[in-house]
């Protein structure tokens, strides 16, 4: 960590004279998220004046560059306009308590880690596919905009009332040349990678890449389709060193035709992980010849 900023004042009930904190929604990694009421919107009788309000946890908020870290997350997420990515509203600072925070849409639903606790044997393939494909679409879109997520895992994906939502770009970065004025802060010093989902090269100290995100999302999809983590919950580097890839088998509910693509996405060596999020989505959503023929026949019968 860099030099420490002065001690923080206690968190007030109302931030920036506008957002009344109601309750803690969750904490993990570097951030904490609260449910809050936007008092300005409430003043104008908005029936849904609620927002999610994110700030850095106490351990990180006292860092001199805490505001820059949080603003980086805001800038990355604001760049993305996709139905399966959380929508951010604003970046603000309460000058009295010296806290920076992001406001974003309040999502109501179930994160994938909680869903997997309820479904220990995994989901049926239609259920898993209906989560995997929107998630891959969101990731492919982010990559097309030069944004890398950096920490894709079940707890950062929600099944909301409006569908799948990818969120928490706190460890994200942009590819070179994208948002050149944004400070490229080292995330490694936060020691915040999630070992079971972070690609081995990230844990070895290599820069973020789209391929590292693909590895992480492949672990999530494997878990959805089987209820089991592909690396037995080991870190990816330990799994690589123990050659667990030799024991890896197709998930229980995954169609056989989809396994080669998912297996490629799970490669420990980034040179062997030659598949994009978009290509993986295509491989998982592609219908078999039999399915296409049945659909064609059904369509022809309907027209008659």
C-alpha atoms as a PDB file:
ATOM      1  CA  UNK A   1       0.000   0.000   0.000  1.00  0.00           C
ATOM      2  CA  UNK A   2       1.083   3.583  -0.567  1.00  0.00           C
ATOM      3  CA  UNK A   3       1.236   6.224   2.143  1.00  0.00           C
ATOM      4  CA  UNK A   4      -1.753   6.269   4.461  1.00  0.00           C
ATOM      5  CA  UNK A   5      -4.302   9.056   4.429  1.00  0.00           C
ATOM      6  CA  UNK A   6      -5.623  10.616   7.688  1.00  0.00           C
ATOM      7  CA  UNK A   7      -7.998   8.459   9.732  1.00  0.00           C
ATOM      8  CA  UNK A   8     -11.538   8.349   8.419  1.00  0.00           C
ATOM      9  CA  UNK A   9     -14.479   9.865  10.238  1.00  0.00           C
ATOM     10  CA  UNK A  10     -17.399   7.567  11.173  1.00  0.00           C
ATOM     11  CA  UNK A  11     -19.821   6.857   8.361  1.00  0.00           C
ATOM     12  CA  UNK A  12     -22.835   9.217   8.636  1.00  0.00           C
ATOM     13  CA  UNK A  13     -26.445   8.168   8.147  1.00  0.00           C
ATOM     14  CA  UNK A  14     -26.702  10.409   5.070  1.00  0.00           C
ATOM     15  CA  UNK A  15     -23.869  10.697   2.550  1.00  0.00           C
ATOM     16  CA  UNK A  16     -23.303  13.864   0.517  1.00  0.00           C
ATOM     17  CA  UNK A  17     -26.531  15.269   1.946  1.00  0.00           C
ATOM     18  CA  UNK A  18     -28.501  13.012  -0.366  1.00  0.00           C
ATOM     19  CA  UNK A  19     -28.121   9.265   0.191  1.00  0.00           C
ATOM     20  CA  UNK A  20     -29.559   7.801   3.383  1.00  0.00           C
ATOM     21  CA  UNK A  21     -27.903   4.478   4.151  1.00  0.00           C
ATOM     22  CA  UNK A  22     -30.422   1.795   5.106  1.00  0.00           C
ATOM     23  CA  UNK A  23     -28.487  -1.434   5.476  1.00  0.00           C
ATOM     24  CA  UNK A  24     -25.406  -3.385   4.442  1.00  0.00           C
ATOM     25  CA  UNK A  25     -25.956  -5.563   1.373  1.00  0.00           C
ATOM     26  CA  UNK A  26     -22.588  -7.250   1.188  1.00  0.00           C
ATOM     27  CA  UNK A  27     -18.838  -7.007   1.677  1.00  0.00           C
ATOM     28  CA  UNK A  28     -16.018  -8.773  -0.099  1.00  0.00           C
ATOM     29  CA  UNK A  29     -12.711  -8.178  -1.783  1.00  0.00           C
ATOM     30  CA  UNK A  30     -12.026  -4.477  -1.389  1.00  0.00           C
ATOM     31  CA  UNK A  31     -15.535  -3.027  -1.240  1.00  0.00           C
ATOM     32  CA  UNK A  32     -18.686  -2.810   0.848  1.00  0.00           C
ATOM     33  CA  UNK A  33     -22.131  -2.223  -0.640  1.00  0.00           C
ATOM     34  CA  UNK A  34     -25.117  -0.626   1.062  1.00  0.00           C
ATOM     35  CA  UNK A  35     -28.745  -0.168   0.173  1.00  0.00           C
ATOM     36  CA  UNK A  36     -29.552   3.546   0.270  1.00  0.00           C
ATOM     37  CA  UNK A  37     -32.442   5.901  -0.443  1.00  0.00           C
ATOM     38  CA  UNK A  38     -31.858   8.801  -2.819  1.00  0.00           C
ATOM     39  CA  UNK A  39     -33.542  11.603  -0.873  1.00  0.00           C
ATOM     40  CA  UNK A  40     -33.613  13.899  -3.914  1.00  0.00           C
ATOM     41  CA  UNK A  41     -35.568  11.362  -5.961  1.00  0.00           C
ATOM     42  CA  UNK A  42     -37.764  10.661  -2.960  1.00  0.00           C
ATOM     43  CA  UNK A  43     -38.541  14.379  -2.697  1.00  0.00           C
ATOM     44  CA  UNK A  44     -40.055  14.202  -6.172  1.00  0.00           C
ATOM     45  CA  UNK A  45     -42.162  11.148  -5.269  1.00  0.00           C
ATOM     46  CA  UNK A  46     -40.074   8.622  -7.198  1.00  0.00           C
ATOM     47  CA  UNK A  47     -41.680   5.264  -6.279  1.00  0.00           C
ATOM     48  CA  UNK A  48     -38.266   3.547  -6.454  1.00  0.00           C
ATOM     49  CA  UNK A  49     -35.739   5.964  -4.921  1.00  0.00           C
ATOM     50  CA  UNK A  50     -33.344   3.164  -3.949  1.00  0.00           C
ATOM     51  CA  UNK A  51     -29.753   2.711  -5.092  1.00  0.00           C
ATOM     52  CA  UNK A  52     -26.824   0.479  -4.252  1.00  0.00           C
ATOM     53  CA  UNK A  53     -23.960   2.487  -2.818  1.00  0.00           C
ATOM     54  CA  UNK A  54     -20.431   1.085  -2.966  1.00  0.00           C
ATOM     55  CA  UNK A  55     -17.319   2.302  -1.191  1.00  0.00           C
ATOM     56  CA  UNK A  56     -13.992   0.785  -0.262  1.00  0.00           C
ATOM     57  CA  UNK A  57     -13.766  -1.121   3.005  1.00  0.00           C
ATOM     58  CA  UNK A  58     -11.994   0.408   5.994  1.00  0.00           C
ATOM     59  CA  UNK A  59      -8.769  -1.473   5.243  1.00  0.00           C
ATOM     60  CA  UNK A  60      -8.442   0.133   1.811  1.00  0.00           C
ATOM     61  CA  UNK A  61     -10.356   3.389   2.236  1.00  0.00           C
ATOM     62  CA  UNK A  62      -7.531   4.885   4.322  1.00  0.00           C
ATOM     63  CA  UNK A  63      -5.077   4.478   1.435  1.00  0.00           C
ATOM     64  CA  UNK A  64      -4.048   7.770  -0.167  1.00  0.00           C
ATOM     65  CA  UNK A  65      -5.108   6.534  -3.617  1.00  0.00           C
ATOM     66  CA  UNK A  66      -8.404   4.960  -2.485  1.00  0.00           C
ATOM     67  CA  UNK A  67     -10.482   7.495  -4.420  1.00  0.00           C
ATOM     68  CA  UNK A  68      -8.538   6.738  -7.609  1.00  0.00           C
ATOM     69  CA  UNK A  69      -9.107   2.990  -7.190  1.00  0.00           C
ATOM     70  CA  UNK A  70     -12.835   3.485  -6.803  1.00  0.00           C
ATOM     71  CA  UNK A  71     -13.029   6.004  -9.628  1.00  0.00           C
ATOM     72  CA  UNK A  72     -11.269   3.516 -11.900  1.00  0.00           C
ATOM     73  CA  UNK A  73     -14.043   0.970 -11.225  1.00  0.00           C
ATOM     74  CA  UNK A  74     -16.670   3.625 -11.933  1.00  0.00           C
ATOM     75  CA  UNK A  75     -15.005   4.684 -15.193  1.00  0.00           C
ATOM     76  CA  UNK A  76     -14.712   1.097 -16.433  1.00  0.00           C
ATOM     77  CA  UNK A  77     -18.318   0.216 -15.622  1.00  0.00           C
ATOM     78  CA  UNK A  78     -19.671   3.489 -17.007  1.00  0.00           C
ATOM     79  CA  UNK A  79     -18.044   2.582 -20.330  1.00  0.00           C
ATOM     80  CA  UNK A  80     -20.306  -0.460 -20.596  1.00  0.00           C
ATOM     81  CA  UNK A  81     -23.933  -0.206 -21.725  1.00  0.00           C
ATOM     82  CA  UNK A  82     -25.178  -3.768 -21.865  1.00  0.00           C
ATOM     83  CA  UNK A  83     -28.332  -5.412 -20.468  1.00  0.00           C
ATOM     84  CA  UNK A  84     -26.237  -7.975 -18.593  1.00  0.00           C
ATOM     85  CA  UNK A  85     -23.845  -5.516 -16.924  1.00  0.00           C
ATOM     86  CA  UNK A  86     -24.775  -3.560 -13.796  1.00  0.00           C
ATOM     87  CA  UNK A  87     -25.640   0.097 -14.475  1.00  0.00           C
ATOM     88  CA  UNK A  88     -23.708   2.736 -12.549  1.00  0.00           C
ATOM     89  CA  UNK A  89     -25.143   6.187 -11.863  1.00  0.00           C
ATOM     90  CA  UNK A  90     -22.538   8.445 -10.308  1.00  0.00           C
ATOM     91  CA  UNK A  91     -19.190   8.825  -8.539  1.00  0.00           C
ATOM     92  CA  UNK A  92     -19.344  11.120  -5.534  1.00  0.00           C
ATOM     93  CA  UNK A  93     -17.390  12.210  -2.476  1.00  0.00           C
ATOM     94  CA  UNK A  94     -18.758  13.134   0.935  1.00  0.00           C
ATOM     95  CA  UNK A  95     -16.346  15.898   1.913  1.00  0.00           C
ATOM     96  CA  UNK A  96     -17.220  15.801   5.609  1.00  0.00           C
ATOM     97  CA  UNK A  97     -16.393  12.154   6.222  1.00  0.00           C
ATOM     98  CA  UNK A  98     -13.924  12.037   3.296  1.00  0.00           C
ATOM     99  CA  UNK A  99     -15.466   8.966   1.670  1.00  0.00           C
ATOM    100  CA  UNK A 100     -15.706   8.377  -2.054  1.00  0.00           C
ATOM    101  CA  UNK A 101     -18.532   6.169  -3.277  1.00  0.00           C
ATOM    102  CA  UNK A 102     -20.309   4.923  -6.394  1.00  0.00           C
ATOM    103  CA  UNK A 103     -24.067   4.802  -6.798  1.00  0.00           C
ATOM    104  CA  UNK A 104     -25.543   2.143  -9.050  1.00  0.00           C
ATOM    105  CA  UNK A 105     -28.746   0.292  -9.762  1.00  0.00           C
ATOM    106  CA  UNK A 106     -30.085  -1.708  -6.853  1.00  0.00           C
ATOM    107  CA  UNK A 107     -30.240  -5.305  -8.056  1.00  0.00           C
ATOM    108  CA  UNK A 108     -32.683  -7.702  -6.471  1.00  0.00           C
ATOM    109  CA  UNK A 109     -31.993 -11.375  -6.895  1.00  0.00           C
ATOM    110  CA  UNK A 110     -29.610 -14.214  -6.147  1.00  0.00           C
ATOM    111  CA  UNK A 111     -25.872 -14.322  -6.744  1.00  0.00           C
ATOM    112  CA  UNK A 112     -24.558 -17.493  -8.379  1.00  0.00           C
ATOM    113  CA  UNK A 113     -22.597 -18.591  -5.308  1.00  0.00           C
ATOM    114  CA  UNK A 114     -25.850 -18.680  -3.325  1.00  0.00           C
ATOM    115  CA  UNK A 115     -27.655 -20.419  -6.181  1.00  0.00           C
ATOM    116  CA  UNK A 116     -24.956 -23.105  -6.258  1.00  0.00           C
ATOM    117  CA  UNK A 117     -25.392 -23.649  -2.515  1.00  0.00           C
ATOM    118  CA  UNK A 118     -29.060 -24.379  -3.186  1.00  0.00           C
ATOM    119  CA  UNK A 119     -28.241 -26.623  -6.177  1.00  0.00           C
ATOM    120  CA  UNK A 120     -25.237 -28.731  -5.082  1.00  0.00           C
ATOM    121  CA  UNK A 121     -25.613 -31.124  -8.038  1.00  0.00           C
ATOM    122  CA  UNK A 122     -25.587 -28.297 -10.545  1.00  0.00           C
ATOM    123  CA  UNK A 123     -28.243 -27.010 -12.899  1.00  0.00           C
ATOM    124  CA  UNK A 124     -29.853 -28.735 -15.858  1.00  0.00           C
ATOM    125  CA  UNK A 125     -28.169 -27.710 -19.092  1.00  0.00           C
ATOM    126  CA  UNK A 126     -31.039 -25.465 -20.272  1.00  0.00           C
ATOM    127  CA  UNK A 127     -30.889 -23.630 -16.931  1.00  0.00           C
ATOM    128  CA  UNK A 128     -27.102 -23.370 -16.964  1.00  0.00           C
ATOM    129  CA  UNK A 129     -27.040 -22.276 -20.615  1.00  0.00           C
ATOM    130  CA  UNK A 130     -29.570 -19.527 -19.926  1.00  0.00           C
ATOM    131  CA  UNK A 131     -27.122 -18.091 -17.409  1.00  0.00           C
ATOM    132  CA  UNK A 132     -23.879 -18.853 -19.252  1.00  0.00           C
ATOM    133  CA  UNK A 133     -24.801 -17.291 -22.584  1.00  0.00           C
ATOM    134  CA  UNK A 134     -25.906 -13.860 -21.257  1.00  0.00           C
ATOM    135  CA  UNK A 135     -22.837 -13.852 -19.003  1.00  0.00           C
ATOM    136  CA  UNK A 136     -20.550 -14.611 -21.952  1.00  0.00           C
ATOM    137  CA  UNK A 137     -22.320 -11.968 -24.033  1.00  0.00           C
ATOM    138  CA  UNK A 138     -21.646  -9.401 -21.302  1.00  0.00           C
ATOM    139  CA  UNK A 139     -18.004 -10.428 -21.099  1.00  0.00           C
ATOM    140  CA  UNK A 140     -17.556 -10.400 -24.875  1.00  0.00           C
ATOM    141  CA  UNK A 141     -19.085  -6.916 -24.990  1.00  0.00           C
ATOM    142  CA  UNK A 142     -16.773  -5.673 -22.224  1.00  0.00           C
ATOM    143  CA  UNK A 143     -13.767  -7.041 -24.108  1.00  0.00           C
ATOM    144  CA  UNK A 144     -14.946  -5.360 -27.301  1.00  0.00           C
ATOM    145  CA  UNK A 145     -14.910  -2.079 -25.356  1.00  0.00           C
ATOM    146  CA  UNK A 146     -11.396  -2.758 -24.081  1.00  0.00           C
ATOM    147  CA  UNK A 147     -12.513  -3.521 -20.514  1.00  0.00           C
ATOM    148  CA  UNK A 148     -11.180  -6.506 -18.555  1.00  0.00           C
ATOM    149  CA  UNK A 149     -13.178  -7.674 -15.536  1.00  0.00           C
ATOM    150  CA  UNK A 150     -10.329  -9.257 -13.605  1.00  0.00           C
ATOM    151  CA  UNK A 151     -12.350 -11.002 -10.884  1.00  0.00           C
ATOM    152  CA  UNK A 152     -15.108 -13.031 -12.486  1.00  0.00           C
ATOM    153  CA  UNK A 153     -16.561 -15.543 -10.001  1.00  0.00           C
ATOM    154  CA  UNK A 154     -20.032 -16.726  -8.888  1.00  0.00           C
ATOM    155  CA  UNK A 155     -20.419 -14.032  -6.222  1.00  0.00           C
ATOM    156  CA  UNK A 156     -19.942 -11.320  -8.880  1.00  0.00           C
ATOM    157  CA  UNK A 157     -22.822 -12.541 -11.050  1.00  0.00           C
ATOM    158  CA  UNK A 158     -26.452 -12.049 -10.079  1.00  0.00           C
ATOM    159  CA  UNK A 159     -29.700 -13.507 -11.319  1.00  0.00           C
ATOM    160  CA  UNK A 160     -31.753 -10.354 -10.914  1.00  0.00           C
ATOM    161  CA  UNK A 161     -35.363  -9.540 -11.645  1.00  0.00           C
ATOM    162  CA  UNK A 162     -34.141  -8.217 -14.995  1.00  0.00           C
ATOM    163  CA  UNK A 163     -31.934 -11.193 -15.868  1.00  0.00           C
ATOM    164  CA  UNK A 164     -28.234 -11.970 -15.517  1.00  0.00           C
ATOM    165  CA  UNK A 165     -26.044  -9.113 -14.248  1.00  0.00           C
ATOM    166  CA  UNK A 166     -22.236  -9.039 -14.172  1.00  0.00           C
ATOM    167  CA  UNK A 167     -20.894  -6.594 -11.592  1.00  0.00           C
ATOM    168  CA  UNK A 168     -17.877  -5.608  -9.454  1.00  0.00           C
ATOM    169  CA  UNK A 169     -15.179  -4.366 -11.829  1.00  0.00           C
ATOM    170  CA  UNK A 170     -13.062  -3.343  -8.837  1.00  0.00           C
ATOM    171  CA  UNK A 171     -10.083  -5.402 -10.014  1.00  0.00           C
ATOM    172  CA  UNK A 172     -10.705  -4.556 -13.660  1.00  0.00           C
ATOM    173  CA  UNK A 173      -8.441  -2.707 -16.044  1.00  0.00           C
ATOM    174  CA  UNK A 174      -8.546  -1.431 -19.586  1.00  0.00           C
ATOM    175  CA  UNK A 175      -6.506  -2.716 -22.463  1.00  0.00           C
ATOM    176  CA  UNK A 176      -3.674  -0.503 -23.632  1.00  0.00           C
ATOM    177  CA  UNK A 177      -4.859   2.653 -25.386  1.00  0.00           C
ATOM    178  CA  UNK A 178      -8.346   2.596 -23.859  1.00  0.00           C
ATOM    179  CA  UNK A 179      -9.101   5.459 -21.428  1.00  0.00           C
ATOM    180  CA  UNK A 180      -5.437   6.532 -21.520  1.00  0.00           C
ATOM    181  CA  UNK A 181      -5.925   9.143 -18.798  1.00  0.00           C
ATOM    182  CA  UNK A 182      -7.135   6.565 -16.279  1.00  0.00           C
ATOM    183  CA  UNK A 183      -4.460   5.659 -13.706  1.00  0.00           C
ATOM    184  CA  UNK A 184      -3.350   2.037 -14.112  1.00  0.00           C
ATOM    185  CA  UNK A 185      -3.045   1.105 -10.474  1.00  0.00           C
ATOM    186  CA  UNK A 186      -1.434  -2.179  -9.524  1.00  0.00           C
ATOM    187  CA  UNK A 187      -4.107  -4.560  -8.252  1.00  0.00           C
ATOM    188  CA  UNK A 188      -1.551  -7.123  -7.116  1.00  0.00           C
ATOM    189  CA  UNK A 189      -0.694  -5.104  -4.041  1.00  0.00           C
ATOM    190  CA  UNK A 190      -4.259  -5.570  -2.789  1.00  0.00           C
ATOM    191  CA  UNK A 191      -3.745  -9.352  -2.863  1.00  0.00           C
ATOM    192  CA  UNK A 192      -7.358  -9.612  -3.944  1.00  0.00           C
ATOM    193  CA  UNK A 193      -7.362 -12.218  -6.718  1.00  0.00           C
ATOM    194  CA  UNK A 194      -9.708 -15.136  -6.043  1.00  0.00           C
ATOM    195  CA  UNK A 195      -7.288 -18.089  -6.394  1.00  0.00           C
ATOM    196  CA  UNK A 196      -9.808 -20.683  -7.611  1.00  0.00           C
ATOM    197  CA  UNK A 197     -10.992 -18.474 -10.496  1.00  0.00           C
ATOM    198  CA  UNK A 198      -7.965 -16.336 -11.311  1.00  0.00           C
ATOM    199  CA  UNK A 199      -6.010 -17.706 -14.263  1.00  0.00           C
ATOM    200  CA  UNK A 200      -2.574 -19.119 -13.370  1.00  0.00           C
ATOM    201  CA  UNK A 201      -0.751 -16.367 -15.239  1.00  0.00           C
ATOM    202  CA  UNK A 202      -2.448 -13.711 -13.083  1.00  0.00           C
ATOM    203  CA  UNK A 203      -1.311 -15.442  -9.904  1.00  0.00           C
ATOM    204  CA  UNK A 204       2.167 -15.676 -11.436  1.00  0.00           C
ATOM    205  CA  UNK A 205       2.210 -11.892 -11.862  1.00  0.00           C
ATOM    206  CA  UNK A 206       1.401 -11.504 -15.568  1.00  0.00           C
ATOM    207  CA  UNK A 207      -0.840  -8.634 -16.757  1.00  0.00           C
ATOM    208  CA  UNK A 208      -4.582  -9.027 -17.162  1.00  0.00           C
ATOM    209  CA  UNK A 209      -5.813 -10.244 -20.549  1.00  0.00           C
ATOM    210  CA  UNK A 210      -9.161 -11.235 -22.098  1.00  0.00           C
ATOM    211  CA  UNK A 211      -7.936 -14.838 -21.878  1.00  0.00           C
ATOM    212  CA  UNK A 212      -7.710 -14.612 -18.088  1.00  0.00           C
ATOM    213  CA  UNK A 213     -11.364 -13.542 -17.956  1.00  0.00           C
ATOM    214  CA  UNK A 214     -12.257 -16.467 -20.227  1.00  0.00           C
ATOM    215  CA  UNK A 215     -10.556 -18.892 -17.842  1.00  0.00           C
ATOM    216  CA  UNK A 216     -12.543 -17.494 -14.906  1.00  0.00           C
ATOM    217  CA  UNK A 217     -15.899 -17.618 -16.674  1.00  0.00           C
ATOM    218  CA  UNK A 218     -15.176 -21.181 -17.825  1.00  0.00           C
ATOM    219  CA  UNK A 219     -14.695 -22.197 -14.169  1.00  0.00           C
ATOM    220  CA  UNK A 220     -18.071 -20.633 -13.355  1.00  0.00           C
ATOM    221  CA  UNK A 221     -19.817 -22.417 -16.235  1.00  0.00           C
ATOM    222  CA  UNK A 222     -18.250 -25.739 -15.266  1.00  0.00           C
ATOM    223  CA  UNK A 223     -19.568 -25.264 -11.740  1.00  0.00           C
ATOM    224  CA  UNK A 224     -23.057 -24.388 -12.959  1.00  0.00           C
ATOM    225  CA  UNK A 225     -23.198 -27.538 -15.091  1.00  0.00           C
ATOM    226  CA  UNK A 226     -21.908 -29.912 -12.431  1.00  0.00           C
ATOM    227  CA  UNK A 227     -22.155 -28.359  -8.964  1.00  0.00           C
ATOM    228  CA  UNK A 228     -18.410 -28.979  -8.627  1.00  0.00           C
ATOM    229  CA  UNK A 229     -15.493 -26.618  -8.984  1.00  0.00           C
ATOM    230  CA  UNK A 230     -13.222 -27.827 -11.827  1.00  0.00           C
ATOM    231  CA  UNK A 231     -10.053 -27.351  -9.738  1.00  0.00           C
ATOM    232  CA  UNK A 232     -11.391 -28.948  -6.528  1.00  0.00           C
ATOM    233  CA  UNK A 233     -11.304 -25.424  -5.046  1.00  0.00           C
ATOM    234  CA  UNK A 234      -7.515 -25.302  -5.282  1.00  0.00           C
ATOM    235  CA  UNK A 235      -5.781 -22.242  -6.638  1.00  0.00           C
ATOM    236  CA  UNK A 236      -5.234 -22.452 -10.383  1.00  0.00           C
ATOM    237  CA  UNK A 237      -1.437 -22.503  -9.904  1.00  0.00           C
ATOM    238  CA  UNK A 238      -1.619 -25.398  -7.431  1.00  0.00           C
ATOM    239  CA  UNK A 239      -4.010 -27.260  -9.729  1.00  0.00           C
ATOM    240  CA  UNK A 240      -1.604 -26.656 -12.620  1.00  0.00           C
ATOM    241  CA  UNK A 241       1.381 -27.889 -10.615  1.00  0.00           C
ATOM    242  CA  UNK A 242      -0.537 -31.000  -9.571  1.00  0.00           C
ATOM    243  CA  UNK A 243      -1.588 -31.599 -13.201  1.00  0.00           C
ATOM    244  CA  UNK A 244      -5.284 -31.713 -12.376  1.00  0.00           C
ATOM    245  CA  UNK A 245      -5.987 -30.954 -16.029  1.00  0.00           C
ATOM    246  CA  UNK A 246      -5.224 -34.619 -16.760  1.00  0.00           C
ATOM    247  CA  UNK A 247      -8.123 -35.629 -14.506  1.00  0.00           C
ATOM    248  CA  UNK A 248     -10.605 -33.044 -15.762  1.00  0.00           C
ATOM    249  CA  UNK A 249     -13.810 -34.566 -17.123  1.00  0.00           C
ATOM    250  CA  UNK A 250     -16.843 -33.010 -18.778  1.00  0.00           C
ATOM    251  CA  UNK A 251     -19.442 -31.608 -16.336  1.00  0.00           C
ATOM    252  CA  UNK A 252     -22.409 -33.867 -15.677  1.00  0.00           C
ATOM    253  CA  UNK A 253     -25.028 -31.745 -17.448  1.00  0.00           C
ATOM    254  CA  UNK A 254     -22.908 -30.336 -20.272  1.00  0.00           C
ATOM    255  CA  UNK A 255     -23.713 -31.652 -23.773  1.00  0.00           C
ATOM    256  CA  UNK A 256     -20.773 -33.581 -25.224  1.00  0.00           C
ATOM    257  CA  UNK A 257     -20.543 -31.257 -28.214  1.00  0.00           C
ATOM    258  CA  UNK A 258     -19.814 -28.319 -25.855  1.00  0.00           C
ATOM    259  CA  UNK A 259     -16.967 -29.937 -23.917  1.00  0.00           C
ATOM    260  CA  UNK A 260     -14.076 -29.275 -26.361  1.00  0.00           C
ATOM    261  CA  UNK A 261     -14.746 -25.524 -26.288  1.00  0.00           C
ATOM    262  CA  UNK A 262     -15.116 -25.374 -22.506  1.00  0.00           C
ATOM    263  CA  UNK A 263     -12.032 -27.565 -22.077  1.00  0.00           C
ATOM    264  CA  UNK A 264     -10.029 -25.147 -24.222  1.00  0.00           C
ATOM    265  CA  UNK A 265     -11.216 -22.227 -22.094  1.00  0.00           C
ATOM    266  CA  UNK A 266      -9.972 -24.057 -18.982  1.00  0.00           C
ATOM    267  CA  UNK A 267      -6.424 -24.525 -20.293  1.00  0.00           C
ATOM    268  CA  UNK A 268      -3.783 -23.574 -17.729  1.00  0.00           C
ATOM    269  CA  UNK A 269      -1.376 -22.347 -20.398  1.00  0.00           C
ATOM    270  CA  UNK A 270      -2.703 -19.101 -21.922  1.00  0.00           C
ATOM    271  CA  UNK A 271      -1.171 -20.119 -25.256  1.00  0.00           C
ATOM    272  CA  UNK A 272      -3.537 -23.120 -25.321  1.00  0.00           C
ATOM    273  CA  UNK A 273      -6.559 -21.038 -24.297  1.00  0.00           C
ATOM    274  CA  UNK A 274      -7.210 -19.888 -27.859  1.00  0.00           C
ATOM    275  CA  UNK A 275     -10.915 -19.129 -27.529  1.00  0.00           C
ATOM    276  CA  UNK A 276     -12.750 -15.859 -26.920  1.00  0.00           C
ATOM    277  CA  UNK A 277     -15.821 -15.253 -24.793  1.00  0.00           C
ATOM    278  CA  UNK A 278     -17.838 -14.782 -27.972  1.00  0.00           C
ATOM    279  CA  UNK A 279     -16.597 -18.057 -29.472  1.00  0.00           C
ATOM    280  CA  UNK A 280     -17.303 -19.917 -26.254  1.00  0.00           C
ATOM    281  CA  UNK A 281     -20.835 -18.488 -26.233  1.00  0.00           C
ATOM    282  CA  UNK A 282     -21.353 -19.676 -29.815  1.00  0.00           C
ATOM    283  CA  UNK A 283     -20.111 -23.162 -28.928  1.00  0.00           C
ATOM    284  CA  UNK A 284     -22.407 -23.468 -25.917  1.00  0.00           C
ATOM    285  CA  UNK A 285     -25.506 -22.089 -27.603  1.00  0.00           C
ATOM    286  CA  UNK A 286     -25.157 -23.878 -30.955  1.00  0.00           C
ATOM    287  CA  UNK A 287     -27.967 -26.325 -31.583  1.00  0.00           C
ATOM    288  CA  UNK A 288     -27.231 -29.826 -32.736  1.00  0.00           C
ATOM    289  CA  UNK A 289     -28.154 -30.887 -36.279  1.00  0.00           C
ATOM    290  CA  UNK A 290     -31.081 -32.873 -34.833  1.00  0.00           C
ATOM    291  CA  UNK A 291     -32.388 -29.852 -32.934  1.00  0.00           C
ATOM    292  CA  UNK A 292     -32.123 -27.623 -36.000  1.00  0.00           C
ATOM    293  CA  UNK A 293     -33.980 -30.216 -38.119  1.00  0.00           C
ATOM    294  CA  UNK A 294     -36.752 -30.583 -35.538  1.00  0.00           C
ATOM    295  CA  UNK A 295     -37.159 -26.807 -35.309  1.00  0.00           C
ATOM    296  CA  UNK A 296     -37.271 -26.562 -39.083  1.00  0.00           C
ATOM    297  CA  UNK A 297     -39.886 -29.285 -39.324  1.00  0.00           C
ATOM    298  CA  UNK A 298     -41.915 -27.716 -36.526  1.00  0.00           C
ATOM    299  CA  UNK A 299     -41.798 -24.376 -38.326  1.00  0.00           C
ATOM    300  CA  UNK A 300     -42.872 -26.018 -41.584  1.00  0.00           C
ATOM    301  CA  UNK A 301     -45.779 -27.791 -39.876  1.00  0.00           C
ATOM    302  CA  UNK A 302     -46.897 -24.513 -38.363  1.00  0.00           C
ATOM    303  CA  UNK A 303     -46.922 -22.782 -41.733  1.00  0.00           C
ATOM    304  CA  UNK A 304     -49.127 -25.429 -43.350  1.00  0.00           C
END
